[in-house]
Amino acid sequence: MKTADVIICGAGIAGIASAYQLTVKHGLRNVLLVDERAPLTLTSDKSTECYRNWWPGPGAAMVGMMNRSIDMLDALAHESSNIFHLNRRGYVYATADP
């Protein structure tokens, strides 16, 4: 019987990010990532690849979490020579209605 210290169900972006943090950043070696599909093939690969640190409130809790997430993305891009092509493209909001 195989055993694992941690089992992560789902190889989407959240599952893979969790596995990365546990193994690379926290040194766990017995982590099992389980998914019936290939990694990042259900909805994670359909992303617009857009992110921002704006949230309409109330309070600043969500903005704080977003800022931390962006910091983690920036660090991972730097550590991996930006293998996943992180790019701050920005947003454009347009309307035909003045």
PDB file of N, CA and C in Angstrom:
ATOM      1  N   MET A   1       0.832  -1.177   0.000  1.00  0.00           N
ATOM      2  CA  MET A   1       0.000   0.000   0.000  1.00  0.00           C
ATOM      3  C   MET A   1       0.879   1.244   0.000  1.00  0.00           C
ATOM      4  N   LYS A   2       0.604   2.158  -0.907  1.00  0.00           N
ATOM      5  CA  LYS A   2       1.335   3.410  -0.950  1.00  0.00           C
ATOM      6  C   LYS A   2       0.722   4.384   0.046  1.00  0.00           C
ATOM      7  N   THR A   3       1.570   5.201   0.649  1.00  0.00           N
ATOM      8  CA  THR A   3       1.094   6.216   1.578  1.00  0.00           C
ATOM      9  C   THR A   3       1.673   7.563   1.191  1.00  0.00           C
ATOM     10  N   ALA A   4       1.035   8.605   1.678  1.00  0.00           N
ATOM     11  CA  ALA A   4       1.515   9.967   1.448  1.00  0.00           C
ATOM     12  C   ALA A   4       1.245  10.780   2.702  1.00  0.00           C
ATOM     13  N   ASP A   5       2.088  11.766   2.943  1.00  0.00           N
ATOM     14  CA  ASP A   5       1.846  12.679   4.060  1.00  0.00           C
ATOM     15  C   ASP A   5       0.728  13.655   3.715  1.00  0.00           C
ATOM     16  N   VAL A   6       0.669  14.038   2.443  1.00  0.00           N
ATOM     17  CA  VAL A   6      -0.357  14.965   1.961  1.00  0.00           C
ATOM     18  C   VAL A   6      -0.869  14.449   0.628  1.00  0.00           C
ATOM     19  N   ILE A   7      -2.176  14.432   0.467  1.00  0.00           N
ATOM     20  CA  ILE A   7      -2.793  14.097  -0.816  1.00  0.00           C
ATOM     21  C   ILE A   7      -3.559  15.318  -1.293  1.00  0.00           C
ATOM     22  N   ILE A   8      -3.258  15.763  -2.503  1.00  0.00           N
ATOM     23  CA  ILE A   8      -3.935  16.911  -3.099  1.00  0.00           C
ATOM     24  C   ILE A   8      -4.807  16.397  -4.227  1.00  0.00           C
ATOM     25  N   CYS A   9      -6.089  16.675  -4.136  1.00  0.00           N
ATOM     26  CA  CYS A   9      -7.046  16.237  -5.151  1.00  0.00           C
ATOM     27  C   CYS A   9      -7.254  17.358  -6.155  1.00  0.00           C
ATOM     28  N   GLY A  10      -6.803  17.129  -7.374  1.00  0.00           N
ATOM     29  CA  GLY A  10      -6.966  18.107  -8.438  1.00  0.00           C
ATOM     30  C   GLY A  10      -5.642  18.706  -8.863  1.00  0.00           C
ATOM     31  N   ALA A  11      -5.332  18.583 -10.153  1.00  0.00           N
ATOM     32  CA  ALA A  11      -4.077  19.108 -10.699  1.00  0.00           C
ATOM     33  C   ALA A  11      -4.327  20.370 -11.505  1.00  0.00           C
ATOM     34  N   GLY A  12      -5.259  21.174 -11.020  1.00  0.00           N
ATOM     35  CA  GLY A  12      -5.463  22.495 -11.604  1.00  0.00           C
ATOM     36  C   GLY A  12      -4.464  23.462 -11.001  1.00  0.00           C
ATOM     37  N   ILE A  13      -4.643  24.731 -11.253  1.00  0.00           N
ATOM     38  CA  ILE A  13      -3.680  25.726 -10.789  1.00  0.00           C
ATOM     39  C   ILE A  13      -3.573  25.734  -9.264  1.00  0.00           C
ATOM     40  N   ALA A  14      -4.693  25.573  -8.557  1.00  0.00           N
ATOM     41  CA  ALA A  14      -4.645  25.570  -7.091  1.00  0.00           C
ATOM     42  C   ALA A  14      -3.929  24.327  -6.567  1.00  0.00           C
ATOM     43  N   GLY A  15      -4.203  23.171  -7.144  1.00  0.00           N
ATOM     44  CA  GLY A  15      -3.553  21.945  -6.707  1.00  0.00           C
ATOM     45  C   GLY A  15      -2.063  21.950  -6.980  1.00  0.00           C
ATOM     46  N   ILE A  16      -1.689  22.387  -8.163  1.00  0.00           N
ATOM     47  CA  ILE A  16      -0.270  22.435  -8.515  1.00  0.00           C
ATOM     48  C   ILE A  16       0.468  23.469  -7.675  1.00  0.00           C
ATOM     49  N   ALA A  17      -0.151  24.616  -7.452  1.00  0.00           N
ATOM     50  CA  ALA A  17       0.468  25.642  -6.608  1.00  0.00           C
ATOM     51  C   ALA A  17       0.646  25.127  -5.181  1.00  0.00           C
ATOM     52  N   SER A  18      -0.346  24.405  -4.677  1.00  0.00           N
ATOM     53  CA  SER A  18      -0.247  23.834  -3.330  1.00  0.00           C
ATOM     54  C   SER A  18       0.874  22.804  -3.254  1.00  0.00           C
ATOM     55  N   ALA A  19       0.953  21.932  -4.243  1.00  0.00           N
ATOM     56  CA  ALA A  19       2.014  20.924  -4.274  1.00  0.00           C
ATOM     57  C   ALA A  19       3.385  21.587  -4.348  1.00  0.00           C
ATOM     58  N   TYR A  20       3.505  22.621  -5.154  1.00  0.00           N
ATOM     59  CA  TYR A  20       4.775  23.351  -5.272  1.00  0.00           C
ATOM     60  C   TYR A  20       5.174  23.949  -3.926  1.00  0.00           C
ATOM     61  N   GLN A  21       4.248  24.642  -3.285  1.00  0.00           N
ATOM     62  CA  GLN A  21       4.559  25.277  -2.003  1.00  0.00           C
ATOM     63  C   GLN A  21       4.969  24.243  -0.955  1.00  0.00           C
ATOM     64  N   LEU A  22       4.248  23.142  -0.902  1.00  0.00           N
ATOM     65  CA  LEU A  22       4.561  22.115   0.099  1.00  0.00           C
ATOM     66  C   LEU A  22       5.907  21.446  -0.150  1.00  0.00           C
ATOM     67  N   THR A  23       6.216  21.156  -1.412  1.00  0.00           N
ATOM     68  CA  THR A  23       7.452  20.427  -1.706  1.00  0.00           C
ATOM     69  C   THR A  23       8.665  21.343  -1.805  1.00  0.00           C
ATOM     70  N   VAL A  24       8.565  22.386  -2.586  1.00  0.00           N
ATOM     71  CA  VAL A  24       9.727  23.245  -2.830  1.00  0.00           C
ATOM     72  C   VAL A  24       9.962  24.226  -1.690  1.00  0.00           C
ATOM     73  N   LYS A  25       8.916  24.853  -1.216  1.00  0.00           N
ATOM     74  CA  LYS A  25       9.075  25.893  -0.198  1.00  0.00           C
ATOM     75  C   LYS A  25       9.092  25.357   1.230  1.00  0.00           C
ATOM     76  N   HIS A  26       8.423  24.221   1.473  1.00  0.00           N
ATOM     77  CA  HIS A  26       8.340  23.694   2.836  1.00  0.00           C
ATOM     78  C   HIS A  26       9.036  22.350   3.010  1.00  0.00           C
ATOM     79  N   GLY A  27       9.634  21.829   1.959  1.00  0.00           N
ATOM     80  CA  GLY A  27      10.472  20.646   2.066  1.00  0.00           C
ATOM     81  C   GLY A  27       9.776  19.310   2.250  1.00  0.00           C
ATOM     82  N   LEU A  28       8.466  19.255   2.092  1.00  0.00           N
ATOM     83  CA  LEU A  28       7.786  17.960   2.185  1.00  0.00           C
ATOM     84  C   LEU A  28       8.123  17.130   0.955  1.00  0.00           C
ATOM     85  N   ARG A  29       8.365  15.848   1.147  1.00  0.00           N
ATOM     86  CA  ARG A  29       8.764  15.003   0.028  1.00  0.00           C
ATOM     87  C   ARG A  29       7.728  13.943  -0.320  1.00  0.00           C
ATOM     88  N   ASN A  30       6.759  13.734   0.527  1.00  0.00           N
ATOM     89  CA  ASN A  30       5.796  12.666   0.306  1.00  0.00           C
ATOM     90  C   ASN A  30       4.417  13.268   0.018  1.00  0.00           C
ATOM     91  N   VAL A  31       4.334  14.022  -1.077  1.00  0.00           N
ATOM     92  CA  VAL A  31       3.103  14.701  -1.486  1.00  0.00           C
ATOM     93  C   VAL A  31       2.589  14.020  -2.748  1.00  0.00           C
ATOM     94  N   LEU A  32       1.322  13.675  -2.745  1.00  0.00           N
ATOM     95  CA  LEU A  32       0.702  13.002  -3.886  1.00  0.00           C
ATOM     96  C   LEU A  32      -0.344  13.920  -4.500  1.00  0.00           C
ATOM     97  N   LEU A  33      -0.215  14.186  -5.791  1.00  0.00           N
ATOM     98  CA  LEU A  33      -1.159  15.006  -6.555  1.00  0.00           C
ATOM     99  C   LEU A  33      -1.981  14.058  -7.416  1.00  0.00           C
ATOM    100  N   VAL A  34      -3.300  14.049  -7.218  1.00  0.00           N
ATOM    101  CA  VAL A  34      -4.177  13.084  -7.881  1.00  0.00           C
ATOM    102  C   VAL A  34      -5.182  13.813  -8.762  1.00  0.00           C
ATOM    103  N   ASP A  35      -5.270  13.391 -10.011  1.00  0.00           N
ATOM    104  CA  ASP A  35      -6.282  13.919 -10.927  1.00  0.00           C
ATOM    105  C   ASP A  35      -6.461  12.908 -12.047  1.00  0.00           C
ATOM    106  N   GLU A  36      -7.689  12.719 -12.491  1.00  0.00           N
ATOM    107  CA  GLU A  36      -7.930  11.773 -13.586  1.00  0.00           C
ATOM    108  C   GLU A  36      -7.512  12.348 -14.937  1.00  0.00           C
ATOM    109  N   ARG A  37      -7.329  13.650 -14.991  1.00  0.00           N
ATOM    110  CA  ARG A  37      -6.933  14.317 -16.236  1.00  0.00           C
ATOM    111  C   ARG A  37      -5.466  14.748 -16.162  1.00  0.00           C
ATOM    112  N   ALA A  38      -4.937  15.145 -17.293  1.00  0.00           N
ATOM    113  CA  ALA A  38      -3.589  15.721 -17.317  1.00  0.00           C
ATOM    114  C   ALA A  38      -3.612  17.057 -16.570  1.00  0.00           C
ATOM    115  N   PRO A  39      -2.489  17.464 -15.984  1.00  0.00           N
ATOM    116  CA  PRO A  39      -2.458  18.723 -15.244  1.00  0.00           C
ATOM    117  C   PRO A  39      -2.893  19.916 -16.096  1.00  0.00           C
ATOM    118  N   LEU A  40      -3.624  20.806 -15.464  1.00  0.00           N
ATOM    119  CA  LEU A  40      -4.024  22.096 -16.049  1.00  0.00           C
ATOM    120  C   LEU A  40      -4.857  21.969 -17.320  1.00  0.00           C
ATOM    121  N   THR A  41      -5.686  20.938 -17.436  1.00  0.00           N
ATOM    122  CA  THR A  41      -6.418  20.741 -18.690  1.00  0.00           C
ATOM    123  C   THR A  41      -7.925  20.923 -18.588  1.00  0.00           C
ATOM    124  N   LEU A  42      -8.467  21.154 -17.400  1.00  0.00           N
ATOM    125  CA  LEU A  42      -9.917  21.321 -17.319  1.00  0.00           C
ATOM    126  C   LEU A  42     -10.281  22.795 -17.492  1.00  0.00           C
ATOM    127  N   THR A  43     -10.094  23.603 -16.468  1.00  0.00           N
ATOM    128  CA  THR A  43     -10.396  25.032 -16.610  1.00  0.00           C
ATOM    129  C   THR A  43      -9.166  25.907 -16.453  1.00  0.00           C
ATOM    130  N   SER A  44      -8.119  25.409 -15.803  1.00  0.00           N
ATOM    131  CA  SER A  44      -6.942  26.239 -15.551  1.00  0.00           C
ATOM    132  C   SER A  44      -6.250  26.698 -16.825  1.00  0.00           C
ATOM    133  N   ASP A  45      -6.332  25.931 -17.893  1.00  0.00           N
ATOM    134  CA  ASP A  45      -5.675  26.340 -19.141  1.00  0.00           C
ATOM    135  C   ASP A  45      -6.578  27.221 -20.005  1.00  0.00           C
ATOM    136  N   LYS A  46      -7.735  27.613 -19.479  1.00  0.00           N
ATOM    137  CA  LYS A  46      -8.654  28.481 -20.221  1.00  0.00           C
ATOM    138  C   LYS A  46      -8.626  29.912 -19.682  1.00  0.00           C
ATOM    139  N   SER A  47      -7.650  30.224 -18.903  1.00  0.00           N
ATOM    140  CA  SER A  47      -7.562  31.517 -18.236  1.00  0.00           C
ATOM    141  C   SER A  47      -7.354  32.659 -19.224  1.00  0.00           C
ATOM    142  N   THR A  48      -7.770  33.835 -18.820  1.00  0.00           N
ATOM    143  CA  THR A  48      -7.461  35.039 -19.598  1.00  0.00           C
ATOM    144  C   THR A  48      -6.048  35.522 -19.295  1.00  0.00           C
ATOM    145  N   GLU A  49      -5.410  34.894 -18.305  1.00  0.00           N
ATOM    146  CA  GLU A  49      -4.067  35.263 -17.861  1.00  0.00           C
ATOM    147  C   GLU A  49      -4.012  36.693 -17.353  1.00  0.00           C
ATOM    148  N   CYS A  50      -5.099  37.167 -16.810  1.00  0.00           N
ATOM    149  CA  CYS A  50      -5.165  38.519 -16.262  1.00  0.00           C
ATOM    150  C   CYS A  50      -5.266  38.439 -14.743  1.00  0.00           C
ATOM    151  N   TYR A  51      -4.637  39.376 -14.090  1.00  0.00           N
ATOM    152  CA  TYR A  51      -4.757  39.462 -12.643  1.00  0.00           C
ATOM    153  C   TYR A  51      -4.605  40.914 -12.240  1.00  0.00           C
ATOM    154  N   ARG A  52      -5.140  41.226 -11.077  1.00  0.00           N
ATOM    155  CA  ARG A  52      -5.042  42.592 -10.568  1.00  0.00           C
ATOM    156  C   ARG A  52      -5.181  42.550  -9.057  1.00  0.00           C
ATOM    157  N   ASN A  53      -4.803  43.616  -8.415  1.00  0.00           N
ATOM    158  CA  ASN A  53      -4.913  43.683  -6.962  1.00  0.00           C
ATOM    159  C   ASN A  53      -5.991  44.683  -6.548  1.00  0.00           C
ATOM    160  N   TRP A  54      -7.079  44.673  -7.243  1.00  0.00           N
ATOM    161  CA  TRP A  54      -8.205  45.533  -6.918  1.00  0.00           C
ATOM    162  C   TRP A  54      -9.376  44.676  -6.475  1.00  0.00           C
ATOM    163  N   TRP A  55     -10.051  45.094  -5.443  1.00  0.00           N
ATOM    164  CA  TRP A  55     -11.266  44.421  -4.976  1.00  0.00           C
ATOM    165  C   TRP A  55     -12.167  45.494  -4.389  1.00  0.00           C
ATOM    166  N   PRO A  56     -13.466  45.457  -4.682  1.00  0.00           N
ATOM    167  CA  PRO A  56     -14.349  46.554  -4.300  1.00  0.00           C
ATOM    168  C   PRO A  56     -14.714  46.634  -2.816  1.00  0.00           C
ATOM    169  N   GLY A  57     -14.146  45.817  -1.957  1.00  0.00           N
ATOM    170  CA  GLY A  57     -14.415  45.945  -0.530  1.00  0.00           C
ATOM    171  C   GLY A  57     -15.605  45.132  -0.088  1.00  0.00           C
ATOM    172  N   PRO A  58     -16.048  45.226   1.103  1.00  0.00           N
ATOM    173  CA  PRO A  58     -15.588  46.174   2.128  1.00  0.00           C
ATOM    174  C   PRO A  58     -14.255  45.734   2.741  1.00  0.00           C
ATOM    175  N   GLY A  59     -13.513  46.678   3.232  1.00  0.00           N
ATOM    176  CA  GLY A  59     -12.241  46.390   3.870  1.00  0.00           C
ATOM    177  C   GLY A  59     -11.144  46.062   2.872  1.00  0.00           C
ATOM    178  N   ALA A  60      -9.974  45.787   3.421  1.00  0.00           N
ATOM    179  CA  ALA A  60      -8.799  45.556   2.583  1.00  0.00           C
ATOM    180  C   ALA A  60      -8.306  44.115   2.634  1.00  0.00           C
ATOM    181  N   ALA A  61      -9.077  43.214   3.227  1.00  0.00           N
ATOM    182  CA  ALA A  61      -8.610  41.828   3.382  1.00  0.00           C
ATOM    183  C   ALA A  61      -8.333  41.164   2.039  1.00  0.00           C
ATOM    184  N   MET A  62      -9.245  41.298   1.089  1.00  0.00           N
ATOM    185  CA  MET A  62      -9.055  40.654  -0.217  1.00  0.00           C
ATOM    186  C   MET A  62      -7.877  41.269  -0.970  1.00  0.00           C
ATOM    187  N   VAL A  63      -7.720  42.579  -0.884  1.00  0.00           N
ATOM    188  CA  VAL A  63      -6.589  43.233  -1.553  1.00  0.00           C
ATOM    189  C   VAL A  63      -5.282  42.737  -0.951  1.00  0.00           C
ATOM    190  N   GLY A  64      -5.243  42.559   0.354  1.00  0.00           N
ATOM    191  CA  GLY A  64      -4.048  42.026   1.004  1.00  0.00           C
ATOM    192  C   GLY A  64      -3.699  40.636   0.503  1.00  0.00           C
ATOM    193  N   MET A  65      -4.712  39.775   0.370  1.00  0.00           N
ATOM    194  CA  MET A  65      -4.461  38.424  -0.155  1.00  0.00           C
ATOM    195  C   MET A  65      -4.019  38.477  -1.613  1.00  0.00           C
ATOM    196  N   MET A  66      -4.626  39.373  -2.391  1.00  0.00           N
ATOM    197  CA  MET A  66      -4.228  39.509  -3.797  1.00  0.00           C
ATOM    198  C   MET A  66      -2.796  40.004  -3.910  1.00  0.00           C
ATOM    199  N   ASN A  67      -2.431  40.983  -3.092  1.00  0.00           N
ATOM    200  CA  ASN A  67      -1.055  41.485  -3.119  1.00  0.00           C
ATOM    201  C   ASN A  67      -0.067  40.375  -2.779  1.00  0.00           C
ATOM    202  N   ARG A  68      -0.394  39.560  -1.785  1.00  0.00           N
ATOM    203  CA  ARG A  68       0.477  38.436  -1.422  1.00  0.00           C
ATOM    204  C   ARG A  68       0.583  37.442  -2.570  1.00  0.00           C
ATOM    205  N   SER A  69      -0.529  37.151  -3.227  1.00  0.00           N
ATOM    206  CA  SER A  69      -0.521  36.226  -4.365  1.00  0.00           C
ATOM    207  C   SER A  69       0.340  36.758  -5.501  1.00  0.00           C
ATOM    208  N   ILE A  70       0.221  38.046  -5.782  1.00  0.00           N
ATOM    209  CA  ILE A  70       1.026  38.654  -6.848  1.00  0.00           C
ATOM    210  C   ILE A  70       2.504  38.612  -6.479  1.00  0.00           C
ATOM    211  N   ASP A  71       2.828  38.872  -5.214  1.00  0.00           N
ATOM    212  CA  ASP A  71       4.224  38.769  -4.771  1.00  0.00           C
ATOM    213  C   ASP A  71       4.757  37.351  -4.978  1.00  0.00           C
ATOM    214  N   MET A  72       3.922  36.351  -4.681  1.00  0.00           N
ATOM    215  CA  MET A  72       4.341  34.958  -4.871  1.00  0.00           C
ATOM    216  C   MET A  72       4.530  34.640  -6.353  1.00  0.00           C
ATOM    217  N   LEU A  73       3.641  35.150  -7.213  1.00  0.00           N
ATOM    218  CA  LEU A  73       3.798  34.962  -8.662  1.00  0.00           C
ATOM    219  C   LEU A  73       5.095  35.596  -9.153  1.00  0.00           C
ATOM    220  N   ASP A  74       5.359  36.825  -8.703  1.00  0.00           N
ATOM    221  CA  ASP A  74       6.591  37.514  -9.103  1.00  0.00           C
ATOM    222  C   ASP A  74       7.826  36.725  -8.671  1.00  0.00           C
ATOM    223  N   ALA A  75       7.813  36.208  -7.443  1.00  0.00           N
ATOM    224  CA  ALA A  75       8.954  35.436  -6.946  1.00  0.00           C
ATOM    225  C   ALA A  75       9.146  34.157  -7.754  1.00  0.00           C
ATOM    226  N   LEU A  76       8.053  33.466  -8.049  1.00  0.00           N
ATOM    227  CA  LEU A  76       8.152  32.232  -8.831  1.00  0.00           C
ATOM    228  C   LEU A  76       8.646  32.517 -10.247  1.00  0.00           C
ATOM    229  N   ALA A  77       8.181  33.605 -10.833  1.00  0.00           N
ATOM    230  CA  ALA A  77       8.666  33.980 -12.167  1.00  0.00           C
ATOM    231  C   ALA A  77      10.174  34.221 -12.128  1.00  0.00           C
ATOM    232  N   HIS A  78      10.633  34.915 -11.105  1.00  0.00           N
ATOM    233  CA  HIS A  78      12.066  35.194 -10.975  1.00  0.00           C
ATOM    234  C   HIS A  78      12.861  33.899 -10.766  1.00  0.00           C
ATOM    235  N   GLU A  79      12.388  33.040  -9.862  1.00  0.00           N
ATOM    236  CA  GLU A  79      13.096  31.791  -9.550  1.00  0.00           C
ATOM    237  C   GLU A  79      13.153  30.833 -10.736  1.00  0.00           C
ATOM    238  N   SER A  80      12.167  30.900 -11.618  1.00  0.00           N
ATOM    239  CA  SER A  80      12.088  29.947 -12.735  1.00  0.00           C
ATOM    240  C   SER A  80      12.538  30.555 -14.063  1.00  0.00           C
ATOM    241  N   SER A  81      13.185  31.704 -14.013  1.00  0.00           N
ATOM    242  CA  SER A  81      13.535  32.446 -15.236  1.00  0.00           C
ATOM    243  C   SER A  81      12.286  32.708 -16.075  1.00  0.00           C
ATOM    244  N   ASN A  82      11.191  32.933 -15.373  1.00  0.00           N
ATOM    245  CA  ASN A  82       9.890  33.264 -15.971  1.00  0.00           C
ATOM    246  C   ASN A  82       9.435  32.219 -16.986  1.00  0.00           C
ATOM    247  N   ILE A  83       9.531  30.963 -16.610  1.00  0.00           N
ATOM    248  CA  ILE A  83       9.154  29.868 -17.506  1.00  0.00           C
ATOM    249  C   ILE A  83       7.689  29.930 -17.921  1.00  0.00           C
ATOM    250  N   PHE A  84       6.848  30.549 -17.112  1.00  0.00           N
ATOM    251  CA  PHE A  84       5.424  30.624 -17.455  1.00  0.00           C
ATOM    252  C   PHE A  84       5.035  31.983 -18.032  1.00  0.00           C
ATOM    253  N   HIS A  85       6.003  32.805 -18.381  1.00  0.00           N
ATOM    254  CA  HIS A  85       5.797  34.056 -19.126  1.00  0.00           C
ATOM    255  C   HIS A  85       4.866  35.036 -18.420  1.00  0.00           C
ATOM    256  N   LEU A  86       5.106  35.267 -17.140  1.00  0.00           N
ATOM    257  CA  LEU A  86       4.328  36.257 -16.402  1.00  0.00           C
ATOM    258  C   LEU A  86       4.568  37.623 -17.019  1.00  0.00           C
ATOM    259  N   ASN A  87       3.496  38.340 -17.292  1.00  0.00           N
ATOM    260  CA  ASN A  87       3.599  39.631 -17.962  1.00  0.00           C
ATOM    261  C   ASN A  87       2.478  40.523 -17.463  1.00  0.00           C
ATOM    262  N   ARG A  88       2.827  41.668 -16.960  1.00  0.00           N
ATOM    263  CA  ARG A  88       1.809  42.613 -16.489  1.00  0.00           C
ATOM    264  C   ARG A  88       1.297  43.422 -17.671  1.00  0.00           C
ATOM    265  N   ARG A  89       0.343  42.853 -18.346  1.00  0.00           N
ATOM    266  CA  ARG A  89      -0.211  43.474 -19.550  1.00  0.00           C
ATOM    267  C   ARG A  89      -1.153  44.622 -19.232  1.00  0.00           C
ATOM    268  N   GLY A  90      -1.832  44.541 -18.130  1.00  0.00           N
ATOM    269  CA  GLY A  90      -2.793  45.573 -17.767  1.00  0.00           C
ATOM    270  C   GLY A  90      -4.179  45.267 -18.307  1.00  0.00           C
ATOM    271  N   TYR A  91      -5.079  46.172 -18.070  1.00  0.00           N
ATOM    272  CA  TYR A  91      -6.473  46.033 -18.492  1.00  0.00           C
ATOM    273  C   TYR A  91      -6.869  47.245 -19.318  1.00  0.00           C
ATOM    274  N   VAL A  92      -7.776  47.037 -20.225  1.00  0.00           N
ATOM    275  CA  VAL A  92      -8.399  48.139 -20.955  1.00  0.00           C
ATOM    276  C   VAL A  92      -9.902  47.947 -20.831  1.00  0.00           C
ATOM    277  N   TYR A  93     -10.563  48.966 -20.333  1.00  0.00           N
ATOM    278  CA  TYR A  93     -12.025  48.951 -20.274  1.00  0.00           C
ATOM    279  C   TYR A  93     -12.522  49.929 -21.326  1.00  0.00           C
ATOM    280  N   ALA A  94     -13.343  49.459 -22.226  1.00  0.00           N
ATOM    281  CA  ALA A  94     -13.825  50.311 -23.315  1.00  0.00           C
ATOM    282  C   ALA A  94     -15.347  50.246 -23.381  1.00  0.00           C
ATOM    283  N   THR A  95     -15.925  51.309 -23.863  1.00  0.00           N
ATOM    284  CA  THR A  95     -17.370  51.350 -24.036  1.00  0.00           C
ATOM    285  C   THR A  95     -17.716  52.155 -25.276  1.00  0.00           C
ATOM    286  N   ALA A  96     -18.806  51.810 -25.894  1.00  0.00           N
ATOM    287  CA  ALA A  96     -19.309  52.600 -27.024  1.00  0.00           C
ATOM    288  C   ALA A  96     -20.304  53.637 -26.528  1.00  0.00           C
ATOM    289  N   ASP A  97     -20.614  53.576 -25.253  1.00  0.00           N
ATOM    290  CA  ASP A  97     -21.586  54.470 -24.640  1.00  0.00           C
ATOM    291  C   ASP A  97     -20.853  55.548 -23.842  1.00  0.00           C
ATOM    292  N   PRO A  98     -20.922  56.806 -24.239  1.00  0.00           N
ATOM    293  CA  PRO A  98     -20.196  57.858 -23.502  1.00  0.00           C
ATOM    294  C   PRO A  98     -20.761  58.110 -22.110  1.00  0.00           C
TER     295      PRO A  98
END
